[in-house]
Amino acid sequence: MCVKMGVDNEEVMMDLAHLVSKTNRKTPCRSAASHYWVTVGEPQANAGDNITVQFACKHCDKRVYEFLTREQYFLCENQIKRSY
């Protein structure tokens, strides 16, 4: 979950579905109308300049691993880091 401070310092959670593959986004959620993806754990560097990020649905706790390129990761690094 990405945290963004609102005007009155309330935490606002943001869905990270844009980082999850289309096939995982389209799977049905057991507890809600659609998945709400948040990161869990620390990202891990892999061979070939890829970074693995683990996501979990806030509603049904389904977990998936996604491989991001270095460019994709650094583009969304602040959102990812604030969420774990």
PDB file of N, CA and C in Angstrom:
ATOM      1  N   MET A   1       0.834  -1.167   0.000  1.00  0.00           N
ATOM      2  CA  MET A   1       0.000   0.000   0.000  1.00  0.00           C
ATOM      3  C   MET A   1       0.878   1.229   0.000  1.00  0.00           C
ATOM      4  N   CYS A   2       0.669   2.109  -0.910  1.00  0.00           N
ATOM      5  CA  CYS A   2       1.413   3.356  -0.934  1.00  0.00           C
ATOM      6  C   CYS A   2       0.708   4.337  -0.029  1.00  0.00           C
ATOM      7  N   VAL A   3       1.474   5.068   0.724  1.00  0.00           N
ATOM      8  CA  VAL A   3       0.885   6.004   1.670  1.00  0.00           C
ATOM      9  C   VAL A   3       1.155   7.408   1.172  1.00  0.00           C
ATOM     10  N   LYS A   4       0.131   8.184   1.116  1.00  0.00           N
ATOM     11  CA  LYS A   4       0.243   9.566   0.707  1.00  0.00           C
ATOM     12  C   LYS A   4      -0.432  10.396   1.783  1.00  0.00           C
ATOM     13  N   MET A   5       0.238  11.400   2.274  1.00  0.00           N
ATOM     14  CA  MET A   5      -0.331  12.221   3.329  1.00  0.00           C
ATOM     15  C   MET A   5      -1.305  13.225   2.711  1.00  0.00           C
ATOM     16  N   GLY A   6      -2.499  13.238   3.237  1.00  0.00           N
ATOM     17  CA  GLY A   6      -3.516  14.168   2.767  1.00  0.00           C
ATOM     18  C   GLY A   6      -3.332  15.534   3.387  1.00  0.00           C
ATOM     19  N   VAL A   7      -4.258  16.406   3.130  1.00  0.00           N
ATOM     20  CA  VAL A   7      -4.189  17.769   3.632  1.00  0.00           C
ATOM     21  C   VAL A   7      -4.192  17.791   5.153  1.00  0.00           C
ATOM     22  N   ASP A   8      -5.010  16.948   5.772  1.00  0.00           N
ATOM     23  CA  ASP A   8      -5.092  16.925   7.226  1.00  0.00           C
ATOM     24  C   ASP A   8      -4.256  15.790   7.824  1.00  0.00           C
ATOM     25  N   ASN A   9      -3.158  15.407   7.140  1.00  0.00           N
ATOM     26  CA  ASN A   9      -2.216  14.370   7.562  1.00  0.00           C
ATOM     27  C   ASN A   9      -2.853  13.000   7.736  1.00  0.00           C
ATOM     28  N   GLU A  10      -3.949  12.715   7.037  1.00  0.00           N
ATOM     29  CA  GLU A  10      -4.536  11.386   7.014  1.00  0.00           C
ATOM     30  C   GLU A  10      -3.763  10.546   6.017  1.00  0.00           C
ATOM     31  N   GLU A  11      -3.627   9.267   6.326  1.00  0.00           N
ATOM     32  CA  GLU A  11      -2.986   8.369   5.380  1.00  0.00           C
ATOM     33  C   GLU A  11      -3.991   7.958   4.321  1.00  0.00           C
ATOM     34  N   VAL A  12      -3.566   8.015   3.069  1.00  0.00           N
ATOM     35  CA  VAL A  12      -4.401   7.609   1.954  1.00  0.00           C
ATOM     36  C   VAL A  12      -3.690   6.453   1.261  1.00  0.00           C
ATOM     37  N   MET A  13      -4.346   5.293   1.182  1.00  0.00           N
ATOM     38  CA  MET A  13      -3.734   4.131   0.552  1.00  0.00           C
ATOM     39  C   MET A  13      -3.982   4.178  -0.948  1.00  0.00           C
ATOM     40  N   MET A  14      -2.979   3.705  -1.702  1.00  0.00           N
ATOM     41  CA  MET A  14      -3.091   3.682  -3.152  1.00  0.00           C
ATOM     42  C   MET A  14      -2.901   2.255  -3.653  1.00  0.00           C
ATOM     43  N   ASP A  15      -3.736   1.851  -4.574  1.00  0.00           N
ATOM     44  CA  ASP A  15      -3.653   0.529  -5.180  1.00  0.00           C
ATOM     45  C   ASP A  15      -2.475   0.489  -6.152  1.00  0.00           C
ATOM     46  N   LEU A  16      -1.700  -0.587  -6.128  1.00  0.00           N
ATOM     47  CA  LEU A  16      -0.554  -0.734  -7.024  1.00  0.00           C
ATOM     48  C   LEU A  16      -0.858  -1.688  -8.177  1.00  0.00           C
ATOM     49  N   ALA A  17      -2.096  -1.747  -8.600  1.00  0.00           N
ATOM     50  CA  ALA A  17      -2.509  -2.674  -9.653  1.00  0.00           C
ATOM     51  C   ALA A  17      -1.775  -2.418 -10.965  1.00  0.00           C
ATOM     52  N   HIS A  18      -1.347  -1.189 -11.198  1.00  0.00           N
ATOM     53  CA  HIS A  18      -0.655  -0.895 -12.453  1.00  0.00           C
ATOM     54  C   HIS A  18       0.686  -1.616 -12.556  1.00  0.00           C
ATOM     55  N   LEU A  19       1.209  -2.145 -11.445  1.00  0.00           N
ATOM     56  CA  LEU A  19       2.471  -2.877 -11.466  1.00  0.00           C
ATOM     57  C   LEU A  19       2.266  -4.395 -11.557  1.00  0.00           C
ATOM     58  N   VAL A  20       1.027  -4.842 -11.414  1.00  0.00           N
ATOM     59  CA  VAL A  20       0.707  -6.266 -11.463  1.00  0.00           C
ATOM     60  C   VAL A  20       0.302  -6.621 -12.889  1.00  0.00           C
ATOM     61  N   SER A  21       0.716  -7.793 -13.341  1.00  0.00           N
ATOM     62  CA  SER A  21       0.424  -8.205 -14.719  1.00  0.00           C
ATOM     63  C   SER A  21      -1.086  -8.287 -14.969  1.00  0.00           C
ATOM     64  N   LYS A  22      -1.448  -8.144 -16.223  1.00  0.00           N
ATOM     65  CA  LYS A  22      -2.856  -8.131 -16.605  1.00  0.00           C
ATOM     66  C   LYS A  22      -3.553  -9.440 -16.237  1.00  0.00           C
ATOM     67  N   THR A  23      -2.861 -10.565 -16.410  1.00  0.00           N
ATOM     68  CA  THR A  23      -3.477 -11.854 -16.087  1.00  0.00           C
ATOM     69  C   THR A  23      -3.788 -11.968 -14.599  1.00  0.00           C
ATOM     70  N   ASN A  24      -2.926 -11.456 -13.745  1.00  0.00           N
ATOM     71  CA  ASN A  24      -3.187 -11.492 -12.298  1.00  0.00           C
ATOM     72  C   ASN A  24      -4.253 -10.482 -11.882  1.00  0.00           C
ATOM     73  N   ARG A  25      -4.309  -9.352 -12.558  1.00  0.00           N
ATOM     74  CA  ARG A  25      -5.339  -8.353 -12.243  1.00  0.00           C
ATOM     75  C   ARG A  25      -6.733  -8.870 -12.573  1.00  0.00           C
ATOM     76  N   LYS A  26      -6.851  -9.696 -13.609  1.00  0.00           N
ATOM     77  CA  LYS A  26      -8.165 -10.155 -14.068  1.00  0.00           C
ATOM     78  C   LYS A  26      -8.698 -11.354 -13.298  1.00  0.00           C
ATOM     79  N   THR A  27      -7.883 -11.994 -12.465  1.00  0.00           N
ATOM     80  CA  THR A  27      -8.394 -13.125 -11.694  1.00  0.00           C
ATOM     81  C   THR A  27      -9.409 -12.627 -10.677  1.00  0.00           C
ATOM     82  N   PRO A  28     -10.452 -13.400 -10.422  1.00  0.00           N
ATOM     83  CA  PRO A  28     -11.481 -12.940  -9.484  1.00  0.00           C
ATOM     84  C   PRO A  28     -10.979 -12.927  -8.042  1.00  0.00           C
ATOM     85  N   CYS A  29     -11.396 -11.925  -7.308  1.00  0.00           N
ATOM     86  CA  CYS A  29     -11.068 -11.797  -5.890  1.00  0.00           C
ATOM     87  C   CYS A  29     -12.144 -12.536  -5.099  1.00  0.00           C
ATOM     88  N   ARG A  30     -11.728 -13.332  -4.109  1.00  0.00           N
ATOM     89  CA  ARG A  30     -12.688 -14.112  -3.328  1.00  0.00           C
ATOM     90  C   ARG A  30     -13.483 -13.254  -2.339  1.00  0.00           C
ATOM     91  N   SER A  31     -12.939 -12.096  -1.944  1.00  0.00           N
ATOM     92  CA  SER A  31     -13.578 -11.315  -0.885  1.00  0.00           C
ATOM     93  C   SER A  31     -14.168  -9.981  -1.334  1.00  0.00           C
ATOM     94  N   ALA A  32     -13.865  -9.531  -2.527  1.00  0.00           N
ATOM     95  CA  ALA A  32     -14.349  -8.223  -2.980  1.00  0.00           C
ATOM     96  C   ALA A  32     -14.581  -8.279  -4.488  1.00  0.00           C
ATOM     97  N   ALA A  33     -15.080  -7.192  -5.022  1.00  0.00           N
ATOM     98  CA  ALA A  33     -15.355  -7.123  -6.453  1.00  0.00           C
ATOM     99  C   ALA A  33     -14.073  -7.211  -7.275  1.00  0.00           C
ATOM    100  N   SER A  34     -12.994  -6.612  -6.788  1.00  0.00           N
ATOM    101  CA  SER A  34     -11.720  -6.672  -7.491  1.00  0.00           C
ATOM    102  C   SER A  34     -10.569  -6.654  -6.482  1.00  0.00           C
ATOM    103  N   HIS A  35      -9.409  -7.109  -6.932  1.00  0.00           N
ATOM    104  CA  HIS A  35      -8.229  -7.131  -6.067  1.00  0.00           C
ATOM    105  C   HIS A  35      -7.757  -5.710  -5.764  1.00  0.00           C
ATOM    106  N   TYR A  36      -7.148  -5.553  -4.601  1.00  0.00           N
ATOM    107  CA  TYR A  36      -6.497  -4.300  -4.212  1.00  0.00           C
ATOM    108  C   TYR A  36      -5.070  -4.682  -3.856  1.00  0.00           C
ATOM    109  N   TRP A  37      -4.130  -4.460  -4.781  1.00  0.00           N
ATOM    110  CA  TRP A  37      -2.768  -4.951  -4.651  1.00  0.00           C
ATOM    111  C   TRP A  37      -1.895  -4.015  -3.839  1.00  0.00           C
ATOM    112  N   VAL A  38      -1.176  -4.592  -2.871  1.00  0.00           N
ATOM    113  CA  VAL A  38      -0.186  -3.869  -2.066  1.00  0.00           C
ATOM    114  C   VAL A  38       1.087  -4.706  -2.037  1.00  0.00           C
ATOM    115  N   THR A  39       2.224  -4.066  -1.825  1.00  0.00           N
ATOM    116  CA  THR A  39       3.482  -4.814  -1.774  1.00  0.00           C
ATOM    117  C   THR A  39       3.669  -5.416  -0.398  1.00  0.00           C
ATOM    118  N   VAL A  40       4.334  -6.557  -0.374  1.00  0.00           N
ATOM    119  CA  VAL A  40       4.706  -7.202   0.883  1.00  0.00           C
ATOM    120  C   VAL A  40       6.171  -7.606   0.762  1.00  0.00           C
ATOM    121  N   GLY A  41       6.918  -7.427   1.824  1.00  0.00           N
ATOM    122  CA  GLY A  41       8.333  -7.788   1.796  1.00  0.00           C
ATOM    123  C   GLY A  41       9.173  -6.784   1.027  1.00  0.00           C
ATOM    124  N   GLU A  42      10.436  -7.090   0.970  1.00  0.00           N
ATOM    125  CA  GLU A  42      11.398  -6.220   0.289  1.00  0.00           C
ATOM    126  C   GLU A  42      11.574  -6.670  -1.159  1.00  0.00           C
ATOM    127  N   PRO A  43      11.746  -5.727  -2.083  1.00  0.00           N
ATOM    128  CA  PRO A  43      12.072  -6.102  -3.461  1.00  0.00           C
ATOM    129  C   PRO A  43      13.434  -6.797  -3.505  1.00  0.00           C
ATOM    130  N   GLN A  44      13.609  -7.726  -4.453  1.00  0.00           N
ATOM    131  CA  GLN A  44      14.857  -8.462  -4.575  1.00  0.00           C
ATOM    132  C   GLN A  44      15.416  -8.307  -5.973  1.00  0.00           C
ATOM    133  N   ALA A  45      16.725  -8.026  -6.050  1.00  0.00           N
ATOM    134  CA  ALA A  45      17.395  -7.906  -7.341  1.00  0.00           C
ATOM    135  C   ALA A  45      17.668  -9.292  -7.903  1.00  0.00           C
ATOM    136  N   ASN A  46      17.511  -9.439  -9.215  1.00  0.00           N
ATOM    137  CA  ASN A  46      17.752 -10.702  -9.906  1.00  0.00           C
ATOM    138  C   ASN A  46      18.727 -10.478 -11.044  1.00  0.00           C
ATOM    139  N   ALA A  47      19.199 -11.563 -11.611  1.00  0.00           N
ATOM    140  CA  ALA A  47      20.071 -11.485 -12.773  1.00  0.00           C
ATOM    141  C   ALA A  47      19.324 -10.848 -13.939  1.00  0.00           C
ATOM    142  N   GLY A  48      20.048 -10.210 -14.808  1.00  0.00           N
ATOM    143  CA  GLY A  48      19.436  -9.614 -15.991  1.00  0.00           C
ATOM    144  C   GLY A  48      18.772  -8.284 -15.724  1.00  0.00           C
ATOM    145  N   ASP A  49      19.190  -7.585 -14.678  1.00  0.00           N
ATOM    146  CA  ASP A  49      18.638  -6.262 -14.340  1.00  0.00           C
ATOM    147  C   ASP A  49      17.139  -6.290 -14.077  1.00  0.00           C
ATOM    148  N   ASN A  50      16.658  -7.368 -13.481  1.00  0.00           N
ATOM    149  CA  ASN A  50      15.257  -7.462 -13.083  1.00  0.00           C
ATOM    150  C   ASN A  50      15.141  -7.364 -11.574  1.00  0.00           C
ATOM    151  N   ILE A  51      14.007  -6.891 -11.116  1.00  0.00           N
ATOM    152  CA  ILE A  51      13.735  -6.781  -9.687  1.00  0.00           C
ATOM    153  C   ILE A  51      12.405  -7.469  -9.427  1.00  0.00           C
ATOM    154  N   THR A  52      12.393  -8.365  -8.447  1.00  0.00           N
ATOM    155  CA  THR A  52      11.183  -9.104  -8.091  1.00  0.00           C
ATOM    156  C   THR A  52      10.490  -8.397  -6.942  1.00  0.00           C
ATOM    157  N   VAL A  53       9.193  -8.157  -7.111  1.00  0.00           N
ATOM    158  CA  VAL A  53       8.388  -7.526  -6.073  1.00  0.00           C
ATOM    159  C   VAL A  53       7.212  -8.456  -5.783  1.00  0.00           C
ATOM    160  N   GLN A  54       6.947  -8.693  -4.505  1.00  0.00           N
ATOM    161  CA  GLN A  54       5.816  -9.544  -4.133  1.00  0.00           C
ATOM    162  C   GLN A  54       4.632  -8.660  -3.780  1.00  0.00           C
ATOM    163  N   PHE A  55       3.478  -9.001  -4.341  1.00  0.00           N
ATOM    164  CA  PHE A  55       2.248  -8.271  -4.087  1.00  0.00           C
ATOM    165  C   PHE A  55       1.235  -9.196  -3.421  1.00  0.00           C
ATOM    166  N   ALA A  56       0.361  -8.624  -2.587  1.00  0.00           N
ATOM    167  CA  ALA A  56      -0.734  -9.365  -1.973  1.00  0.00           C
ATOM    168  C   ALA A  56      -2.005  -8.536  -2.097  1.00  0.00           C
ATOM    169  N   CYS A  57      -3.123  -9.224  -2.291  1.00  0.00           N
ATOM    170  CA  CYS A  57      -4.413  -8.541  -2.327  1.00  0.00           C
ATOM    171  C   CYS A  57      -4.820  -8.215  -0.891  1.00  0.00           C
ATOM    172  N   LYS A  58      -5.188  -6.989  -0.665  1.00  0.00           N
ATOM    173  CA  LYS A  58      -5.604  -6.550   0.667  1.00  0.00           C
ATOM    174  C   LYS A  58      -6.882  -7.251   1.114  1.00  0.00           C
ATOM    175  N   HIS A  59      -7.717  -7.667   0.173  1.00  0.00           N
ATOM    176  CA  HIS A  59      -9.004  -8.269   0.505  1.00  0.00           C
ATOM    177  C   HIS A  59      -8.923  -9.778   0.726  1.00  0.00           C
ATOM    178  N   CYS A  60      -8.272 -10.499  -0.182  1.00  0.00           N
ATOM    179  CA  CYS A  60      -8.281 -11.969  -0.103  1.00  0.00           C
ATOM    180  C   CYS A  60      -6.912 -12.577   0.197  1.00  0.00           C
ATOM    181  N   ASP A  61      -5.868 -11.769   0.305  1.00  0.00           N
ATOM    182  CA  ASP A  61      -4.508 -12.188   0.634  1.00  0.00           C
ATOM    183  C   ASP A  61      -3.873 -13.080  -0.431  1.00  0.00           C
ATOM    184  N   LYS A  62      -4.370 -13.041  -1.666  1.00  0.00           N
ATOM    185  CA  LYS A  62      -3.706 -13.749  -2.759  1.00  0.00           C
ATOM    186  C   LYS A  62      -2.351 -13.090  -3.000  1.00  0.00           C
ATOM    187  N   ARG A  63      -1.324 -13.894  -3.209  1.00  0.00           N
ATOM    188  CA  ARG A  63       0.028 -13.363  -3.400  1.00  0.00           C
ATOM    189  C   ARG A  63       0.547 -13.711  -4.779  1.00  0.00           C
ATOM    190  N   VAL A  64       1.231 -12.745  -5.384  1.00  0.00           N
ATOM    191  CA  VAL A  64       1.857 -12.942  -6.686  1.00  0.00           C
ATOM    192  C   VAL A  64       3.217 -12.271  -6.681  1.00  0.00           C
ATOM    193  N   TYR A  65       4.121 -12.807  -7.495  1.00  0.00           N
ATOM    194  CA  TYR A  65       5.432 -12.197  -7.704  1.00  0.00           C
ATOM    195  C   TYR A  65       5.449 -11.587  -9.092  1.00  0.00           C
ATOM    196  N   GLU A  66       5.975 -10.385  -9.184  1.00  0.00           N
ATOM    197  CA  GLU A  66       6.109  -9.725 -10.478  1.00  0.00           C
ATOM    198  C   GLU A  66       7.565  -9.346 -10.699  1.00  0.00           C
ATOM    199  N   PHE A  67       8.021  -9.512 -11.933  1.00  0.00           N
ATOM    200  CA  PHE A  67       9.371  -9.128 -12.308  1.00  0.00           C
ATOM    201  C   PHE A  67       9.302  -7.783 -13.011  1.00  0.00           C
ATOM    202  N   LEU A  68       9.978  -6.803 -12.461  1.00  0.00           N
ATOM    203  CA  LEU A  68      10.020  -5.464 -13.044  1.00  0.00           C
ATOM    204  C   LEU A  68      11.412  -5.213 -13.596  1.00  0.00           C
ATOM    205  N   THR A  69      11.489  -4.493 -14.694  1.00  0.00           N
ATOM    206  CA  THR A  69      12.798  -4.080 -15.186  1.00  0.00           C
ATOM    207  C   THR A  69      13.344  -2.996 -14.258  1.00  0.00           C
ATOM    208  N   ARG A  70      14.619  -2.732 -14.370  1.00  0.00           N
ATOM    209  CA  ARG A  70      15.216  -1.665 -13.554  1.00  0.00           C
ATOM    210  C   ARG A  70      14.486  -0.343 -13.770  1.00  0.00           C
ATOM    211  N   GLU A  71      14.170  -0.056 -15.012  1.00  0.00           N
ATOM    212  CA  GLU A  71      13.505   1.208 -15.343  1.00  0.00           C
ATOM    213  C   GLU A  71      12.114   1.274 -14.710  1.00  0.00           C
ATOM    214  N   GLN A  72      11.359   0.179 -14.812  1.00  0.00           N
ATOM    215  CA  GLN A  72      10.024   0.149 -14.198  1.00  0.00           C
ATOM    216  C   GLN A  72      10.112   0.325 -12.690  1.00  0.00           C
ATOM    217  N   TYR A  73      11.076  -0.354 -12.072  1.00  0.00           N
ATOM    218  CA  TYR A  73      11.208  -0.277 -10.624  1.00  0.00           C
ATOM    219  C   TYR A  73      11.566   1.141 -10.181  1.00  0.00           C
ATOM    220  N   PHE A  74      12.573   1.745 -10.802  1.00  0.00           N
ATOM    221  CA  PHE A  74      13.003   3.069 -10.373  1.00  0.00           C
ATOM    222  C   PHE A  74      11.963   4.143 -10.671  1.00  0.00           C
ATOM    223  N   LEU A  75      11.119   3.913 -11.669  1.00  0.00           N
ATOM    224  CA  LEU A  75      10.033   4.844 -11.955  1.00  0.00           C
ATOM    225  C   LEU A  75       9.016   4.874 -10.815  1.00  0.00           C
ATOM    226  N   CYS A  76       8.768   3.711 -10.191  1.00  0.00           N
ATOM    227  CA  CYS A  76       7.770   3.594  -9.117  1.00  0.00           C
ATOM    228  C   CYS A  76       8.410   3.308  -7.762  1.00  0.00           C
ATOM    229  N   GLU A  77       9.696   3.547  -7.629  1.00  0.00           N
ATOM    230  CA  GLU A  77      10.428   3.181  -6.416  1.00  0.00           C
ATOM    231  C   GLU A  77       9.841   3.808  -5.160  1.00  0.00           C
ATOM    232  N   ASN A  78       9.489   5.072  -5.207  1.00  0.00           N
ATOM    233  CA  ASN A  78       8.955   5.732  -4.009  1.00  0.00           C
ATOM    234  C   ASN A  78       7.635   5.110  -3.565  1.00  0.00           C
ATOM    235  N   GLN A  79       6.763   4.794  -4.493  1.00  0.00           N
ATOM    236  CA  GLN A  79       5.493   4.142  -4.142  1.00  0.00           C
ATOM    237  C   GLN A  79       5.747   2.794  -3.515  1.00  0.00           C
ATOM    238  N   ILE A  80       6.664   2.037  -4.092  1.00  0.00           N
ATOM    239  CA  ILE A  80       6.954   0.691  -3.594  1.00  0.00           C
ATOM    240  C   ILE A  80       7.589   0.754  -2.198  1.00  0.00           C
ATOM    241  N   LYS A  81       8.554   1.637  -2.013  1.00  0.00           N
ATOM    242  CA  LYS A  81       9.250   1.732  -0.725  1.00  0.00           C
ATOM    243  C   LYS A  81       8.337   2.189   0.403  1.00  0.00           C
ATOM    244  N   ARG A  82       7.411   3.073   0.118  1.00  0.00           N
ATOM    245  CA  ARG A  82       6.484   3.543   1.146  1.00  0.00           C
ATOM    246  C   ARG A  82       5.460   2.506   1.551  1.00  0.00           C
ATOM    247  N   SER A  83       5.336   1.458   0.742  1.00  0.00           N
ATOM    248  CA  SER A  83       4.267   0.506   0.998  1.00  0.00           C
ATOM    249  C   SER A  83       4.670  -0.664   1.879  1.00  0.00           C
ATOM    250  N   TYR A  84       5.950  -0.837   2.174  1.00  0.00           N
ATOM    251  CA  TYR A  84       6.318  -1.948   3.078  1.00  0.00           C
ATOM    252  C   TYR A  84       6.933  -1.462   4.348  1.00  0.00           C
TER     253      TYR A  84
END
